[in-house]
Amino acid sequence: QRVRLDVVDERKLRLRAANAAFSVEGKQTINAPMPGKVVKLLVKVGDEVAEDQGLVVVEAMKMENELKSPKAGKVTEIFTKEGTAVENGAPLVVVE
């Protein structure tokens, strides 16, 4: 009888786990990563979105950051408007 073994040290095991695909489930709230200004909303309530689709553009430190959907789903809530200043961690959009 033959048995195949894969001997992996801790570092390789962690790298393998980090590269493994994962999925996000349930209600996801997209929060502002830093204080800034909402430049553009790319979606509206009720829109179907794909994974990695842009949802909102936030300008912070003279750079525009497009925040993307972590999963495919439907936009159920929007907590902000274009031109609004937001604080770090402020909820912006909910995708279910």
C-alpha atoms as a PDB file:
ATOM      1  CA  GLN A   1       0.000   0.000   0.000  1.00  0.00           C
ATOM      2  CA  ARG A   2       1.337   3.430  -0.935  1.00  0.00           C
ATOM      3  CA  VAL A   3       0.636   6.557   1.005  1.00  0.00           C
ATOM      4  CA  ARG A   4       1.525  10.018  -0.237  1.00  0.00           C
ATOM      5  CA  LEU A   5       2.745  12.457   2.401  1.00  0.00           C
ATOM      6  CA  ASP A   6       3.375  16.151   2.109  1.00  0.00           C
ATOM      7  CA  VAL A   7       5.750  17.439   4.774  1.00  0.00           C
ATOM      8  CA  VAL A   8       5.282  21.166   5.243  1.00  0.00           C
ATOM      9  CA  ASP A   9       6.971  23.479   7.686  1.00  0.00           C
ATOM     10  CA  GLU A  10       4.920  26.124   9.518  1.00  0.00           C
ATOM     11  CA  ARG A  11       5.900  28.929   7.127  1.00  0.00           C
ATOM     12  CA  LYS A  12       4.797  27.012   4.031  1.00  0.00           C
ATOM     13  CA  LEU A  13       1.572  25.994   5.747  1.00  0.00           C
ATOM     14  CA  ARG A  14       0.715  29.625   6.550  1.00  0.00           C
ATOM     15  CA  LEU A  15       1.527  30.731   2.991  1.00  0.00           C
ATOM     16  CA  ARG A  16      -0.651  27.977   1.586  1.00  0.00           C
ATOM     17  CA  ALA A  17      -3.530  28.995   3.879  1.00  0.00           C
ATOM     18  CA  ALA A  18      -3.147  32.676   2.966  1.00  0.00           C
ATOM     19  CA  ASN A  19      -3.365  31.914  -0.744  1.00  0.00           C
ATOM     20  CA  ALA A  20      -6.409  29.662  -0.419  1.00  0.00           C
ATOM     21  CA  ALA A  21      -9.651  31.049  -1.782  1.00  0.00           C
ATOM     22  CA  PHE A  22     -12.276  32.082   0.731  1.00  0.00           C
ATOM     23  CA  SER A  23     -15.841  33.269   0.394  1.00  0.00           C
ATOM     24  CA  VAL A  24     -17.736  35.924   2.255  1.00  0.00           C
ATOM     25  CA  GLU A  25     -21.288  35.157   3.315  1.00  0.00           C
ATOM     26  CA  GLY A  26     -24.151  37.071   4.851  1.00  0.00           C
ATOM     27  CA  LYS A  27     -24.684  40.794   5.233  1.00  0.00           C
ATOM     28  CA  GLN A  28     -21.495  42.787   4.549  1.00  0.00           C
ATOM     29  CA  THR A  29     -21.064  46.435   5.541  1.00  0.00           C
ATOM     30  CA  ILE A  30     -18.466  48.400   3.620  1.00  0.00           C
ATOM     31  CA  ASN A  31     -16.848  50.993   5.911  1.00  0.00           C
ATOM     32  CA  ALA A  32     -14.662  54.002   5.176  1.00  0.00           C
ATOM     33  CA  PRO A  33     -11.005  52.917   5.490  1.00  0.00           C
ATOM     34  CA  MET A  34      -9.941  56.415   6.606  1.00  0.00           C
ATOM     35  CA  PRO A  35     -11.408  59.896   7.024  1.00  0.00           C
ATOM     36  CA  GLY A  36     -12.264  61.472   3.692  1.00  0.00           C
ATOM     37  CA  LYS A  37     -14.970  62.682   1.344  1.00  0.00           C
ATOM     38  CA  VAL A  38     -17.402  60.587  -0.686  1.00  0.00           C
ATOM     39  CA  VAL A  39     -16.725  61.642  -4.272  1.00  0.00           C
ATOM     40  CA  LYS A  40     -19.056  59.293  -6.134  1.00  0.00           C
ATOM     41  CA  LEU A  41     -21.634  56.593  -5.418  1.00  0.00           C
ATOM     42  CA  LEU A  42     -21.417  53.933  -8.130  1.00  0.00           C
ATOM     43  CA  VAL A  43     -24.555  52.035  -7.050  1.00  0.00           C
ATOM     44  CA  LYS A  44     -28.019  52.667  -5.648  1.00  0.00           C
ATOM     45  CA  VAL A  45     -30.275  50.674  -3.316  1.00  0.00           C
ATOM     46  CA  GLY A  46     -31.610  47.578  -5.058  1.00  0.00           C
ATOM     47  CA  ASP A  47     -28.710  47.210  -7.509  1.00  0.00           C
ATOM     48  CA  GLU A  48     -27.308  43.721  -8.066  1.00  0.00           C
ATOM     49  CA  VAL A  49     -23.506  43.773  -7.763  1.00  0.00           C
ATOM     50  CA  ALA A  50     -20.748  41.328  -8.630  1.00  0.00           C
ATOM     51  CA  GLU A  51     -17.789  40.452  -6.427  1.00  0.00           C
ATOM     52  CA  ASP A  52     -15.071  43.152  -6.732  1.00  0.00           C
ATOM     53  CA  GLN A  53     -17.471  45.606  -8.388  1.00  0.00           C
ATOM     54  CA  GLY A  54     -16.905  49.230  -7.364  1.00  0.00           C
ATOM     55  CA  LEU A  55     -19.480  50.626  -4.928  1.00  0.00           C
ATOM     56  CA  VAL A  56     -18.261  54.018  -3.765  1.00  0.00           C
ATOM     57  CA  VAL A  57     -15.288  56.317  -4.381  1.00  0.00           C
ATOM     58  CA  VAL A  58     -13.773  58.024  -1.320  1.00  0.00           C
ATOM     59  CA  GLU A  59     -11.163  60.770  -1.605  1.00  0.00           C
ATOM     60  CA  ALA A  60      -8.621  60.767   1.209  1.00  0.00           C
ATOM     61  CA  MET A  61      -5.233  62.463   1.359  1.00  0.00           C
ATOM     62  CA  LYS A  62      -5.698  63.756  -2.243  1.00  0.00           C
ATOM     63  CA  MET A  63      -6.162  60.204  -3.570  1.00  0.00           C
ATOM     64  CA  GLU A  64      -9.363  58.590  -4.789  1.00  0.00           C
ATOM     65  CA  ASN A  65     -10.029  55.089  -3.418  1.00  0.00           C
ATOM     66  CA  GLU A  66     -12.666  52.873  -5.023  1.00  0.00           C
ATOM     67  CA  LEU A  67     -14.227  50.591  -2.421  1.00  0.00           C
ATOM     68  CA  LYS A  68     -15.348  47.290  -3.926  1.00  0.00           C
ATOM     69  CA  SER A  69     -17.931  44.692  -3.038  1.00  0.00           C
ATOM     70  CA  PRO A  70     -16.539  41.713  -1.095  1.00  0.00           C
ATOM     71  CA  LYS A  71     -19.192  39.431  -2.620  1.00  0.00           C
ATOM     72  CA  ALA A  72     -21.884  39.180  -5.254  1.00  0.00           C
ATOM     73  CA  GLY A  73     -25.264  40.294  -3.954  1.00  0.00           C
ATOM     74  CA  LYS A  74     -27.745  43.128  -3.701  1.00  0.00           C
ATOM     75  CA  VAL A  75     -27.212  46.630  -2.281  1.00  0.00           C
ATOM     76  CA  THR A  76     -29.719  46.963   0.575  1.00  0.00           C
ATOM     77  CA  GLU A  77     -28.618  50.192   2.297  1.00  0.00           C
ATOM     78  CA  ILE A  78     -26.574  53.299   1.544  1.00  0.00           C
ATOM     79  CA  PHE A  79     -25.621  55.462   4.523  1.00  0.00           C
ATOM     80  CA  THR A  80     -24.005  58.396   2.697  1.00  0.00           C
ATOM     81  CA  LYS A  81     -24.364  60.861  -0.185  1.00  0.00           C
ATOM     82  CA  GLU A  82     -21.923  62.273  -2.704  1.00  0.00           C
ATOM     83  CA  GLY A  83     -19.953  65.201  -1.262  1.00  0.00           C
ATOM     84  CA  THR A  84     -20.343  64.033   2.348  1.00  0.00           C
ATOM     85  CA  ALA A  85     -17.344  63.948   4.693  1.00  0.00           C
ATOM     86  CA  VAL A  86     -16.911  60.579   6.431  1.00  0.00           C
ATOM     87  CA  GLU A  87     -14.904  59.473   9.452  1.00  0.00           C
ATOM     88  CA  ASN A  88     -12.668  56.426   9.722  1.00  0.00           C
ATOM     89  CA  GLY A  89     -14.826  53.292  10.007  1.00  0.00           C
ATOM     90  CA  ALA A  90     -18.080  55.012   9.052  1.00  0.00           C
ATOM     91  CA  PRO A  91     -20.532  52.609   7.391  1.00  0.00           C
ATOM     92  CA  LEU A  92     -21.118  53.468   3.725  1.00  0.00           C
ATOM     93  CA  VAL A  93     -22.909  50.612   1.926  1.00  0.00           C
ATOM     94  CA  VAL A  94     -24.476  47.257   2.861  1.00  0.00           C
ATOM     95  CA  VAL A  95     -24.425  44.305   0.450  1.00  0.00           C
ATOM     96  CA  GLU A  96     -26.482  41.167   1.153  1.00  0.00           C
END
